[in-house]
Amino acid sequence: MNRIAMLRKEKGLSQISLSLKLNVSQKMISAYENGKSEPSIATLMQMADIFNTSVDYIIGYTNIRQPIDKTVQMSLNEDECDLLGGYRELSAKQQNIALGVILGLLNSEKN
């Protein structure tokens, strides 16, 4: 549950402010973050809304932060999901470079 603490800090929230949003105690947030307790499905869904991510990302099931349409996600293999997640974490400039590399590789295959 290290991601809960990371996401909370990225959002600029204290444990108390997150606890108020989730209607749980600050001690419970601390317990989630330290792995002493696990949030319910309903609480995980609320967290996903607050952090604009997927429940799967919060629990460490995937490295893709942004929720992906389930139909699209099911058509991607694990490497593709990891690449997509990594791409989304890049700056706009880095994304353009990555696209240039991929397009260059595709064009070199045609020649």
PDB file of N, CA and C in Angstrom:
ATOM      1  N   MET A   1       0.818  -1.202   0.000  1.00  0.00           N
ATOM      2  CA  MET A   1       0.000   0.000   0.000  1.00  0.00           C
ATOM      3  C   MET A   1       0.861   1.265   0.000  1.00  0.00           C
ATOM      4  N   ASN A   2       2.127   1.130  -0.364  1.00  0.00           N
ATOM      5  CA  ASN A   2       3.005   2.298  -0.449  1.00  0.00           C
ATOM      6  C   ASN A   2       2.466   3.323  -1.436  1.00  0.00           C
ATOM      7  N   ARG A   3       1.707   2.866  -2.418  1.00  0.00           N
ATOM      8  CA  ARG A   3       1.187   3.793  -3.417  1.00  0.00           C
ATOM      9  C   ARG A   3       0.177   4.764  -2.828  1.00  0.00           C
ATOM     10  N   ILE A   4      -0.513   4.371  -1.793  1.00  0.00           N
ATOM     11  CA  ILE A   4      -1.471   5.285  -1.173  1.00  0.00           C
ATOM     12  C   ILE A   4      -0.733   6.498  -0.637  1.00  0.00           C
ATOM     13  N   ALA A   5       0.352   6.275   0.074  1.00  0.00           N
ATOM     14  CA  ALA A   5       1.137   7.388   0.618  1.00  0.00           C
ATOM     15  C   ALA A   5       1.713   8.233  -0.512  1.00  0.00           C
ATOM     16  N   MET A   6       2.248   7.582  -1.537  1.00  0.00           N
ATOM     17  CA  MET A   6       2.832   8.306  -2.662  1.00  0.00           C
ATOM     18  C   MET A   6       1.782   9.179  -3.361  1.00  0.00           C
ATOM     19  N   LEU A   7       0.622   8.590  -3.650  1.00  0.00           N
ATOM     20  CA  LEU A   7      -0.437   9.326  -4.332  1.00  0.00           C
ATOM     21  C   LEU A   7      -0.968  10.465  -3.462  1.00  0.00           C
ATOM     22  N   ARG A   8      -1.105  10.189  -2.174  1.00  0.00           N
ATOM     23  CA  ARG A   8      -1.589  11.220  -1.245  1.00  0.00           C
ATOM     24  C   ARG A   8      -0.640  12.408  -1.233  1.00  0.00           C
ATOM     25  N   LYS A   9       0.655  12.135  -1.152  1.00  0.00           N
ATOM     26  CA  LYS A   9       1.654  13.208  -1.120  1.00  0.00           C
ATOM     27  C   LYS A   9       1.692  13.966  -2.444  1.00  0.00           C
ATOM     28  N   GLU A  10       1.592  13.244  -3.568  1.00  0.00           N
ATOM     29  CA  GLU A  10       1.559  13.899  -4.878  1.00  0.00           C
ATOM     30  C   GLU A  10       0.384  14.861  -4.978  1.00  0.00           C
ATOM     31  N   LYS A  11      -0.716  14.480  -4.379  1.00  0.00           N
ATOM     32  CA  LYS A  11      -1.934  15.302  -4.414  1.00  0.00           C
ATOM     33  C   LYS A  11      -1.876  16.440  -3.392  1.00  0.00           C
ATOM     34  N   GLY A  12      -0.836  16.408  -2.521  1.00  0.00           N
ATOM     35  CA  GLY A  12      -0.688  17.456  -1.511  1.00  0.00           C
ATOM     36  C   GLY A  12      -1.651  17.309  -0.350  1.00  0.00           C
ATOM     37  N   LEU A  13      -2.059  16.072  -0.077  1.00  0.00           N
ATOM     38  CA  LEU A  13      -3.013  15.825   0.997  1.00  0.00           C
ATOM     39  C   LEU A  13      -2.297  15.280   2.230  1.00  0.00           C
ATOM     40  N   SER A  14      -2.728  15.718   3.386  1.00  0.00           N
ATOM     41  CA  SER A  14      -2.253  15.123   4.636  1.00  0.00           C
ATOM     42  C   SER A  14      -3.081  13.869   4.888  1.00  0.00           C
ATOM     43  N   GLN A  15      -2.617  13.053   5.823  1.00  0.00           N
ATOM     44  CA  GLN A  15      -3.410  11.880   6.194  1.00  0.00           C
ATOM     45  C   GLN A  15      -4.774  12.303   6.730  1.00  0.00           C
ATOM     46  N   ILE A  16      -4.792  13.390   7.461  1.00  0.00           N
ATOM     47  CA  ILE A  16      -6.066  13.869   8.027  1.00  0.00           C
ATOM     48  C   ILE A  16      -7.024  14.305   6.920  1.00  0.00           C
ATOM     49  N   SER A  17      -6.530  15.071   5.946  1.00  0.00           N
ATOM     50  CA  SER A  17      -7.430  15.539   4.888  1.00  0.00           C
ATOM     51  C   SER A  17      -7.935  14.371   4.046  1.00  0.00           C
ATOM     52  N   LEU A  18      -7.077  13.366   3.788  1.00  0.00           N
ATOM     53  CA  LEU A  18      -7.544  12.187   3.049  1.00  0.00           C
ATOM     54  C   LEU A  18      -8.567  11.420   3.884  1.00  0.00           C
ATOM     55  N   SER A  19      -8.321  11.322   5.173  1.00  0.00           N
ATOM     56  CA  SER A  19      -9.269  10.601   6.033  1.00  0.00           C
ATOM     57  C   SER A  19     -10.645  11.264   6.022  1.00  0.00           C
ATOM     58  N   LEU A  20     -10.665  12.595   5.984  1.00  0.00           N
ATOM     59  CA  LEU A  20     -11.943  13.308   5.934  1.00  0.00           C
ATOM     60  C   LEU A  20     -12.668  13.042   4.623  1.00  0.00           C
ATOM     61  N   LYS A  21     -11.922  12.999   3.517  1.00  0.00           N
ATOM     62  CA  LYS A  21     -12.540  12.722   2.221  1.00  0.00           C
ATOM     63  C   LYS A  21     -13.114  11.306   2.156  1.00  0.00           C
ATOM     64  N   LEU A  22     -12.445  10.379   2.865  1.00  0.00           N
ATOM     65  CA  LEU A  22     -12.856   8.973   2.819  1.00  0.00           C
ATOM     66  C   LEU A  22     -13.771   8.586   3.969  1.00  0.00           C
ATOM     67  N   ASN A  23     -13.968   9.506   4.903  1.00  0.00           N
ATOM     68  CA  ASN A  23     -14.801   9.252   6.075  1.00  0.00           C
ATOM     69  C   ASN A  23     -14.262   8.081   6.912  1.00  0.00           C
ATOM     70  N   VAL A  24     -12.932   8.089   7.089  1.00  0.00           N
ATOM     71  CA  VAL A  24     -12.268   7.130   7.976  1.00  0.00           C
ATOM     72  C   VAL A  24     -11.334   7.926   8.883  1.00  0.00           C
ATOM     73  N   SER A  25     -10.764   7.286   9.880  1.00  0.00           N
ATOM     74  CA  SER A  25      -9.864   7.993  10.793  1.00  0.00           C
ATOM     75  C   SER A  25      -8.478   8.166  10.178  1.00  0.00           C
ATOM     76  N   GLN A  26      -7.741   9.121  10.713  1.00  0.00           N
ATOM     77  CA  GLN A  26      -6.352   9.329  10.289  1.00  0.00           C
ATOM     78  C   GLN A  26      -5.528   8.086  10.612  1.00  0.00           C
ATOM     79  N   LYS A  27      -5.833   7.429  11.718  1.00  0.00           N
ATOM     80  CA  LYS A  27      -5.127   6.197  12.093  1.00  0.00           C
ATOM     81  C   LYS A  27      -5.345   5.108  11.046  1.00  0.00           C
ATOM     82  N   MET A  28      -6.528   5.085  10.467  1.00  0.00           N
ATOM     83  CA  MET A  28      -6.811   4.086   9.438  1.00  0.00           C
ATOM     84  C   MET A  28      -5.978   4.361   8.185  1.00  0.00           C
ATOM     85  N   ILE A  29      -5.854   5.635   7.803  1.00  0.00           N
ATOM     86  CA  ILE A  29      -5.009   5.987   6.653  1.00  0.00           C
ATOM     87  C   ILE A  29      -3.579   5.538   6.923  1.00  0.00           C
ATOM     88  N   SER A  30      -3.093   5.801   8.121  1.00  0.00           N
ATOM     89  CA  SER A  30      -1.748   5.376   8.504  1.00  0.00           C
ATOM     90  C   SER A  30      -1.626   3.855   8.418  1.00  0.00           C
ATOM     91  N   ALA A  31      -2.639   3.153   8.860  1.00  0.00           N
ATOM     92  CA  ALA A  31      -2.622   1.689   8.808  1.00  0.00           C
ATOM     93  C   ALA A  31      -2.606   1.186   7.361  1.00  0.00           C
ATOM     94  N   TYR A  32      -3.372   1.846   6.471  1.00  0.00           N
ATOM     95  CA  TYR A  32      -3.342   1.481   5.054  1.00  0.00           C
ATOM     96  C   TYR A  32      -1.936   1.668   4.500  1.00  0.00           C
ATOM     97  N   GLU A  33      -1.353   2.821   4.798  1.00  0.00           N
ATOM     98  CA  GLU A  33      -0.048   3.154   4.230  1.00  0.00           C
ATOM     99  C   GLU A  33       1.069   2.267   4.773  1.00  0.00           C
ATOM    100  N   ASN A  34       0.912   1.772   5.981  1.00  0.00           N
ATOM    101  CA  ASN A  34       1.933   0.914   6.594  1.00  0.00           C
ATOM    102  C   ASN A  34       1.654  -0.574   6.406  1.00  0.00           C
ATOM    103  N   GLY A  35       0.593  -0.899   5.677  1.00  0.00           N
ATOM    104  CA  GLY A  35       0.272  -2.292   5.411  1.00  0.00           C
ATOM    105  C   GLY A  35      -0.312  -3.039   6.590  1.00  0.00           C
ATOM    106  N   LYS A  36      -0.770  -2.315   7.597  1.00  0.00           N
ATOM    107  CA  LYS A  36      -1.353  -2.958   8.778  1.00  0.00           C
ATOM    108  C   LYS A  36      -2.839  -3.235   8.603  1.00  0.00           C
ATOM    109  N   SER A  37      -3.437  -2.595   7.623  1.00  0.00           N
ATOM    110  CA  SER A  37      -4.857  -2.790   7.321  1.00  0.00           C
ATOM    111  C   SER A  37      -5.049  -2.569   5.831  1.00  0.00           C
ATOM    112  N   GLU A  38      -6.069  -3.185   5.276  1.00  0.00           N
ATOM    113  CA  GLU A  38      -6.375  -3.018   3.857  1.00  0.00           C
ATOM    114  C   GLU A  38      -7.714  -2.306   3.703  1.00  0.00           C
ATOM    115  N   PRO A  39      -7.762  -1.329   2.788  1.00  0.00           N
ATOM    116  CA  PRO A  39      -9.023  -0.628   2.562  1.00  0.00           C
ATOM    117  C   PRO A  39     -10.053  -1.532   1.903  1.00  0.00           C
ATOM    118  N   SER A  40     -11.302  -1.232   2.165  1.00  0.00           N
ATOM    119  CA  SER A  40     -12.392  -1.972   1.512  1.00  0.00           C
ATOM    120  C   SER A  40     -12.426  -1.619   0.030  1.00  0.00           C
ATOM    121  N   ILE A  41     -13.165  -2.395  -0.716  1.00  0.00           N
ATOM    122  CA  ILE A  41     -13.328  -2.121  -2.149  1.00  0.00           C
ATOM    123  C   ILE A  41     -13.937  -0.731  -2.338  1.00  0.00           C
ATOM    124  N   ALA A  42     -14.949  -0.412  -1.538  1.00  0.00           N
ATOM    125  CA  ALA A  42     -15.594   0.899  -1.655  1.00  0.00           C
ATOM    126  C   ALA A  42     -14.597   2.025  -1.385  1.00  0.00           C
ATOM    127  N   THR A  43     -13.739   1.845  -0.378  1.00  0.00           N
ATOM    128  CA  THR A  43     -12.739   2.865  -0.055  1.00  0.00           C
ATOM    129  C   THR A  43     -11.715   2.970  -1.176  1.00  0.00           C
ATOM    130  N   LEU A  44     -11.299   1.836  -1.735  1.00  0.00           N
ATOM    131  CA  LEU A  44     -10.360   1.855  -2.864  1.00  0.00           C
ATOM    132  C   LEU A  44     -10.965   2.596  -4.059  1.00  0.00           C
ATOM    133  N   MET A  45     -12.252   2.396  -4.294  1.00  0.00           N
ATOM    134  CA  MET A  45     -12.913   3.081  -5.410  1.00  0.00           C
ATOM    135  C   MET A  45     -12.945   4.589  -5.165  1.00  0.00           C
ATOM    136  N   GLN A  46     -13.185   4.992  -3.913  1.00  0.00           N
ATOM    137  CA  GLN A  46     -13.163   6.419  -3.581  1.00  0.00           C
ATOM    138  C   GLN A  46     -11.757   6.984  -3.793  1.00  0.00           C
ATOM    139  N   MET A  47     -10.738   6.239  -3.364  1.00  0.00           N
ATOM    140  CA  MET A  47      -9.360   6.684  -3.551  1.00  0.00           C
ATOM    141  C   MET A  47      -9.040   6.836  -5.029  1.00  0.00           C
ATOM    142  N   ALA A  48      -9.480   5.879  -5.829  1.00  0.00           N
ATOM    143  CA  ALA A  48      -9.229   5.948  -7.270  1.00  0.00           C
ATOM    144  C   ALA A  48      -9.835   7.227  -7.856  1.00  0.00           C
ATOM    145  N   ASP A  49     -11.008   7.596  -7.399  1.00  0.00           N
ATOM    146  CA  ASP A  49     -11.636   8.842  -7.859  1.00  0.00           C
ATOM    147  C   ASP A  49     -10.838  10.065  -7.398  1.00  0.00           C
ATOM    148  N   ILE A  50     -10.413  10.050  -6.136  1.00  0.00           N
ATOM    149  CA  ILE A  50      -9.661  11.187  -5.583  1.00  0.00           C
ATOM    150  C   ILE A  50      -8.333  11.365  -6.303  1.00  0.00           C
ATOM    151  N   PHE A  51      -7.630  10.239  -6.552  1.00  0.00           N
ATOM    152  CA  PHE A  51      -6.300  10.297  -7.150  1.00  0.00           C
ATOM    153  C   PHE A  51      -6.315  10.212  -8.674  1.00  0.00           C
ATOM    154  N   ASN A  52      -7.504  10.069  -9.258  1.00  0.00           N
ATOM    155  CA  ASN A  52      -7.659   9.948 -10.709  1.00  0.00           C
ATOM    156  C   ASN A  52      -6.784   8.820 -11.254  1.00  0.00           C
ATOM    157  N   THR A  53      -6.932   7.664 -10.654  1.00  0.00           N
ATOM    158  CA  THR A  53      -6.188   6.491 -11.074  1.00  0.00           C
ATOM    159  C   THR A  53      -7.105   5.284 -10.972  1.00  0.00           C
ATOM    160  N   SER A  54      -6.566   4.124 -11.268  1.00  0.00           N
ATOM    161  CA  SER A  54      -7.374   2.915 -11.155  1.00  0.00           C
ATOM    162  C   SER A  54      -7.135   2.247  -9.812  1.00  0.00           C
ATOM    163  N   VAL A  55      -8.093   1.451  -9.395  1.00  0.00           N
ATOM    164  CA  VAL A  55      -7.921   0.650  -8.187  1.00  0.00           C
ATOM    165  C   VAL A  55      -6.746  -0.308  -8.390  1.00  0.00           C
ATOM    166  N   ASP A  56      -6.631  -0.862  -9.595  1.00  0.00           N
ATOM    167  CA  ASP A  56      -5.527  -1.774  -9.900  1.00  0.00           C
ATOM    168  C   ASP A  56      -4.171  -1.116  -9.654  1.00  0.00           C
ATOM    169  N   TYR A  57      -4.046   0.151  -9.997  1.00  0.00           N
ATOM    170  CA  TYR A  57      -2.785   0.855  -9.760  1.00  0.00           C
ATOM    171  C   TYR A  57      -2.539   1.029  -8.259  1.00  0.00           C
ATOM    172  N   ILE A  58      -3.559   1.399  -7.536  1.00  0.00           N
ATOM    173  CA  ILE A  58      -3.406   1.624  -6.089  1.00  0.00           C
ATOM    174  C   ILE A  58      -2.925   0.356  -5.388  1.00  0.00           C
ATOM    175  N   ILE A  59      -3.470  -0.788  -5.773  1.00  0.00           N
ATOM    176  CA  ILE A  59      -3.107  -2.033  -5.091  1.00  0.00           C
ATOM    177  C   ILE A  59      -1.866  -2.697  -5.693  1.00  0.00           C
ATOM    178  N   GLY A  60      -1.284  -2.094  -6.726  1.00  0.00           N
ATOM    179  CA  GLY A  60      -0.054  -2.625  -7.298  1.00  0.00           C
ATOM    180  C   GLY A  60      -0.252  -3.731  -8.317  1.00  0.00           C
ATOM    181  N   TYR A  61      -1.483  -3.885  -8.804  1.00  0.00           N
ATOM    182  CA  TYR A  61      -1.769  -4.922  -9.800  1.00  0.00           C
ATOM    183  C   TYR A  61      -1.283  -4.523 -11.186  1.00  0.00           C
ATOM    184  N   THR A  62      -1.169  -3.218 -11.421  1.00  0.00           N
ATOM    185  CA  THR A  62      -0.672  -2.705 -12.688  1.00  0.00           C
ATOM    186  C   THR A  62       0.172  -1.468 -12.424  1.00  0.00           C
ATOM    187  N   ASN A  63       1.018  -1.129 -13.397  1.00  0.00           N
ATOM    188  CA  ASN A  63       1.811   0.093 -13.294  1.00  0.00           C
ATOM    189  C   ASN A  63       1.203   1.233 -14.102  1.00  0.00           C
ATOM    190  N   ILE A  64       0.051   0.990 -14.674  1.00  0.00           N
ATOM    191  CA  ILE A  64      -0.642   2.026 -15.433  1.00  0.00           C
ATOM    192  C   ILE A  64      -1.481   2.831 -14.459  1.00  0.00           C
ATOM    193  N   ARG A  65      -1.153   4.119 -14.345  1.00  0.00           N
ATOM    194  CA  ARG A  65      -1.851   4.988 -13.388  1.00  0.00           C
ATOM    195  C   ARG A  65      -3.269   5.305 -13.804  1.00  0.00           C
ATOM    196  N   GLN A  66      -3.429   5.736 -15.051  1.00  0.00           N
ATOM    197  CA  GLN A  66      -4.737   6.197 -15.498  1.00  0.00           C
ATOM    198  C   GLN A  66      -5.660   5.024 -15.760  1.00  0.00           C
ATOM    199  N   PRO A  67      -6.914   5.179 -15.390  1.00  0.00           N
ATOM    200  CA  PRO A  67      -7.866   4.110 -15.713  1.00  0.00           C
ATOM    201  C   PRO A  67      -7.959   3.937 -17.228  1.00  0.00           C
ATOM    202  N   ILE A  68      -7.969   2.701 -17.663  1.00  0.00           N
ATOM    203  CA  ILE A  68      -8.079   2.395 -19.088  1.00  0.00           C
ATOM    204  C   ILE A  68      -9.385   1.653 -19.295  1.00  0.00           C
ATOM    205  N   ASP A  69     -10.045   1.960 -20.375  1.00  0.00           N
ATOM    206  CA  ASP A  69     -11.258   1.244 -20.726  1.00  0.00           C
ATOM    207  C   ASP A  69     -10.971  -0.259 -20.668  1.00  0.00           C
ATOM    208  N   LYS A  70     -11.819  -1.007 -19.984  1.00  0.00           N
ATOM    209  CA  LYS A  70     -11.576  -2.435 -19.772  1.00  0.00           C
ATOM    210  C   LYS A  70     -11.437  -3.199 -21.090  1.00  0.00           C
ATOM    211  N   THR A  71     -12.196  -2.840 -22.107  1.00  0.00           N
ATOM    212  CA  THR A  71     -12.102  -3.520 -23.390  1.00  0.00           C
ATOM    213  C   THR A  71     -10.720  -3.318 -23.994  1.00  0.00           C
ATOM    214  N   VAL A  72     -10.226  -2.093 -23.922  1.00  0.00           N
ATOM    215  CA  VAL A  72      -8.894  -1.800 -24.450  1.00  0.00           C
ATOM    216  C   VAL A  72      -7.842  -2.528 -23.628  1.00  0.00           C
ATOM    217  N   GLN A  73      -7.961  -2.476 -22.311  1.00  0.00           N
ATOM    218  CA  GLN A  73      -6.970  -3.096 -21.432  1.00  0.00           C
ATOM    219  C   GLN A  73      -6.874  -4.597 -21.685  1.00  0.00           C
ATOM    220  N   MET A  74      -7.992  -5.236 -21.928  1.00  0.00           N
ATOM    221  CA  MET A  74      -7.974  -6.683 -22.136  1.00  0.00           C
ATOM    222  C   MET A  74      -7.303  -7.056 -23.452  1.00  0.00           C
ATOM    223  N   SER A  75      -7.236  -6.129 -24.405  1.00  0.00           N
ATOM    224  CA  SER A  75      -6.615  -6.441 -25.687  1.00  0.00           C
ATOM    225  C   SER A  75      -5.105  -6.190 -25.672  1.00  0.00           C
ATOM    226  N   LEU A  76      -4.573  -5.617 -24.580  1.00  0.00           N
ATOM    227  CA  LEU A  76      -3.151  -5.341 -24.472  1.00  0.00           C
ATOM    228  C   LEU A  76      -2.469  -6.425 -23.652  1.00  0.00           C
ATOM    229  N   ASN A  77      -1.241  -6.796 -24.068  1.00  0.00           N
ATOM    230  CA  ASN A  77      -0.490  -7.733 -23.232  1.00  0.00           C
ATOM    231  C   ASN A  77       0.237  -6.948 -22.140  1.00  0.00           C
ATOM    232  N   GLU A  78       0.898  -7.648 -21.241  1.00  0.00           N
ATOM    233  CA  GLU A  78       1.528  -6.995 -20.091  1.00  0.00           C
ATOM    234  C   GLU A  78       2.592  -5.986 -20.510  1.00  0.00           C
ATOM    235  N   ASP A  79       3.407  -6.337 -21.517  1.00  0.00           N
ATOM    236  CA  ASP A  79       4.437  -5.403 -21.992  1.00  0.00           C
ATOM    237  C   ASP A  79       3.811  -4.128 -22.556  1.00  0.00           C
ATOM    238  N   GLU A  80       2.729  -4.301 -23.309  1.00  0.00           N
ATOM    239  CA  GLU A  80       2.054  -3.135 -23.879  1.00  0.00           C
ATOM    240  C   GLU A  80       1.473  -2.249 -22.781  1.00  0.00           C
ATOM    241  N   CYS A  81       0.918  -2.846 -21.754  1.00  0.00           N
ATOM    242  CA  CYS A  81       0.387  -2.080 -20.624  1.00  0.00           C
ATOM    243  C   CYS A  81       1.516  -1.320 -19.917  1.00  0.00           C
ATOM    244  N   ASP A  82       2.647  -1.989 -19.709  1.00  0.00           N
ATOM    245  CA  ASP A  82       3.792  -1.333 -19.064  1.00  0.00           C
ATOM    246  C   ASP A  82       4.307  -0.179 -19.914  1.00  0.00           C
ATOM    247  N   LEU A  83       4.381  -0.391 -21.228  1.00  0.00           N
ATOM    248  CA  LEU A  83       4.842   0.676 -22.127  1.00  0.00           C
ATOM    249  C   LEU A  83       3.891   1.868 -22.104  1.00  0.00           C
ATOM    250  N   LEU A  84       2.609   1.587 -22.140  1.00  0.00           N
ATOM    251  CA  LEU A  84       1.618   2.661 -22.101  1.00  0.00           C
ATOM    252  C   LEU A  84       1.711   3.443 -20.801  1.00  0.00           C
ATOM    253  N   GLY A  85       1.843   2.711 -19.698  1.00  0.00           N
ATOM    254  CA  GLY A  85       1.974   3.378 -18.401  1.00  0.00           C
ATOM    255  C   GLY A  85       3.226   4.230 -18.334  1.00  0.00           C
ATOM    256  N   GLY A  86       4.334   3.698 -18.837  1.00  0.00           N
ATOM    257  CA  GLY A  86       5.585   4.462 -18.860  1.00  0.00           C
ATOM    258  C   GLY A  86       5.486   5.678 -19.750  1.00  0.00           C
ATOM    259  N   TYR A  87       4.858   5.526 -20.903  1.00  0.00           N
ATOM    260  CA  TYR A  87       4.680   6.638 -21.839  1.00  0.00           C
ATOM    261  C   TYR A  87       3.902   7.777 -21.188  1.00  0.00           C
ATOM    262  N   ARG A  88       2.866   7.431 -20.455  1.00  0.00           N
ATOM    263  CA  ARG A  88       2.035   8.449 -19.809  1.00  0.00           C
ATOM    264  C   ARG A  88       2.780   9.211 -18.724  1.00  0.00           C
ATOM    265  N   GLU A  89       3.829   8.612 -18.168  1.00  0.00           N
ATOM    266  CA  GLU A  89       4.607   9.281 -17.130  1.00  0.00           C
ATOM    267  C   GLU A  89       5.672  10.219 -17.706  1.00  0.00           C
ATOM    268  N   LEU A  90       5.908  10.140 -19.009  1.00  0.00           N
ATOM    269  CA  LEU A  90       6.907  10.995 -19.649  1.00  0.00           C
ATOM    270  C   LEU A  90       6.377  12.412 -19.826  1.00  0.00           C
ATOM    271  N   SER A  91       7.310  13.355 -19.916  1.00  0.00           N
ATOM    272  CA  SER A  91       6.927  14.731 -20.250  1.00  0.00           C
ATOM    273  C   SER A  91       6.492  14.756 -21.712  1.00  0.00           C
ATOM    274  N   ALA A  92       5.858  15.839 -22.145  1.00  0.00           N
ATOM    275  CA  ALA A  92       5.406  15.964 -23.531  1.00  0.00           C
ATOM    276  C   ALA A  92       6.594  15.857 -24.488  1.00  0.00           C
ATOM    277  N   LYS A  93       7.704  16.463 -24.131  1.00  0.00           N
ATOM    278  CA  LYS A  93       8.906  16.401 -24.986  1.00  0.00           C
ATOM    279  C   LYS A  93       9.410  14.966 -25.100  1.00  0.00           C
ATOM    280  N   GLN A  94       9.450  14.255 -23.972  1.00  0.00           N
ATOM    281  CA  GLN A  94       9.905  12.869 -23.988  1.00  0.00           C
ATOM    282  C   GLN A  94       8.940  11.975 -24.769  1.00  0.00           C
ATOM    283  N   GLN A  95       7.644  12.264 -24.693  1.00  0.00           N
ATOM    284  CA  GLN A  95       6.671  11.497 -25.464  1.00  0.00           C
ATOM    285  C   GLN A  95       6.906  11.683 -26.960  1.00  0.00           C
ATOM    286  N   ASN A  96       7.204  12.916 -27.380  1.00  0.00           N
ATOM    287  CA  ASN A  96       7.490  13.173 -28.791  1.00  0.00           C
ATOM    288  C   ASN A  96       8.729  12.422 -29.249  1.00  0.00           C
ATOM    289  N   ILE A  97       9.752  12.372 -28.411  1.00  0.00           N
ATOM    290  CA  ILE A  97      10.971  11.637 -28.751  1.00  0.00           C
ATOM    291  C   ILE A  97      10.654  10.147 -28.887  1.00  0.00           C
ATOM    292  N   ALA A  98       9.892   9.610 -27.928  1.00  0.00           N
ATOM    293  CA  ALA A  98       9.526   8.189 -27.964  1.00  0.00           C
ATOM    294  C   ALA A  98       8.744   7.873 -29.240  1.00  0.00           C
ATOM    295  N   LEU A  99       7.796   8.724 -29.589  1.00  0.00           N
ATOM    296  CA  LEU A  99       7.030   8.509 -30.823  1.00  0.00           C
ATOM    297  C   LEU A  99       7.937   8.555 -32.039  1.00  0.00           C
ATOM    298  N   GLY A 100       8.893   9.496 -32.042  1.00  0.00           N
ATOM    299  CA  GLY A 100       9.846   9.588 -33.155  1.00  0.00           C
ATOM    300  C   GLY A 100      10.660   8.320 -33.310  1.00  0.00           C
ATOM    301  N   VAL A 101      11.096   7.759 -32.198  1.00  0.00           N
ATOM    302  CA  VAL A 101      11.874   6.514 -32.239  1.00  0.00           C
ATOM    303  C   VAL A 101      11.021   5.384 -32.806  1.00  0.00           C
ATOM    304  N   ILE A 102       9.794   5.263 -32.322  1.00  0.00           N
ATOM    305  CA  ILE A 102       8.913   4.190 -32.793  1.00  0.00           C
ATOM    306  C   ILE A 102       8.607   4.356 -34.278  1.00  0.00           C
ATOM    307  N   LEU A 103       8.262   5.566 -34.694  1.00  0.00           N
ATOM    308  CA  LEU A 103       7.967   5.799 -36.114  1.00  0.00           C
ATOM    309  C   LEU A 103       9.203   5.549 -36.974  1.00  0.00           C
ATOM    310  N   GLY A 104      10.371   5.934 -36.474  1.00  0.00           N
ATOM    311  CA  GLY A 104      11.623   5.665 -37.207  1.00  0.00           C
ATOM    312  C   GLY A 104      11.858   4.185 -37.363  1.00  0.00           C
ATOM    313  N   LEU A 105      11.616   3.419 -36.333  1.00  0.00           N
ATOM    314  CA  LEU A 105      11.776   1.964 -36.414  1.00  0.00           C
ATOM    315  C   LEU A 105      10.788   1.354 -37.407  1.00  0.00           C
ATOM    316  N   LEU A 106       9.553   1.838 -37.375  1.00  0.00           N
ATOM    317  CA  LEU A 106       8.551   1.321 -38.322  1.00  0.00           C
ATOM    318  C   LEU A 106       8.931   1.639 -39.765  1.00  0.00           C
ATOM    319  N   ASN A 107       9.416   2.847 -40.000  1.00  0.00           N
ATOM    320  CA  ASN A 107       9.819   3.236 -41.348  1.00  0.00           C
ATOM    321  C   ASN A 107      11.045   2.459 -41.824  1.00  0.00           C
ATOM    322  N   SER A 108      11.974   2.137 -40.927  1.00  0.00           N
ATOM    323  CA  SER A 108      13.165   1.393 -41.315  1.00  0.00           C
ATOM    324  C   SER A 108      12.818  -0.043 -41.698  1.00  0.00           C
ATOM    325  N   GLU A 109      11.743  -0.573 -41.139  1.00  0.00           N
ATOM    326  CA  GLU A 109      11.299  -1.929 -41.489  1.00  0.00           C
ATOM    327  C   GLU A 109      10.734  -1.980 -42.916  1.00  0.00           C
ATOM    328  N   LYS A 110      10.165  -0.872 -43.363  1.00  0.00           N
ATOM    329  CA  LYS A 110       9.558  -0.812 -44.686  1.00  0.00           C
ATOM    330  C   LYS A 110      10.606  -0.712 -45.779  1.00  0.00           C
ATOM    331  N   ASN A 111      11.778  -0.210 -45.445  1.00  0.00           N
ATOM    332  CA  ASN A 111      12.833  -0.017 -46.456  1.00  0.00           C
ATOM    333  C   ASN A 111      13.721  -1.201 -46.584  1.00  0.00           C
TER     334      ASN A 111
END
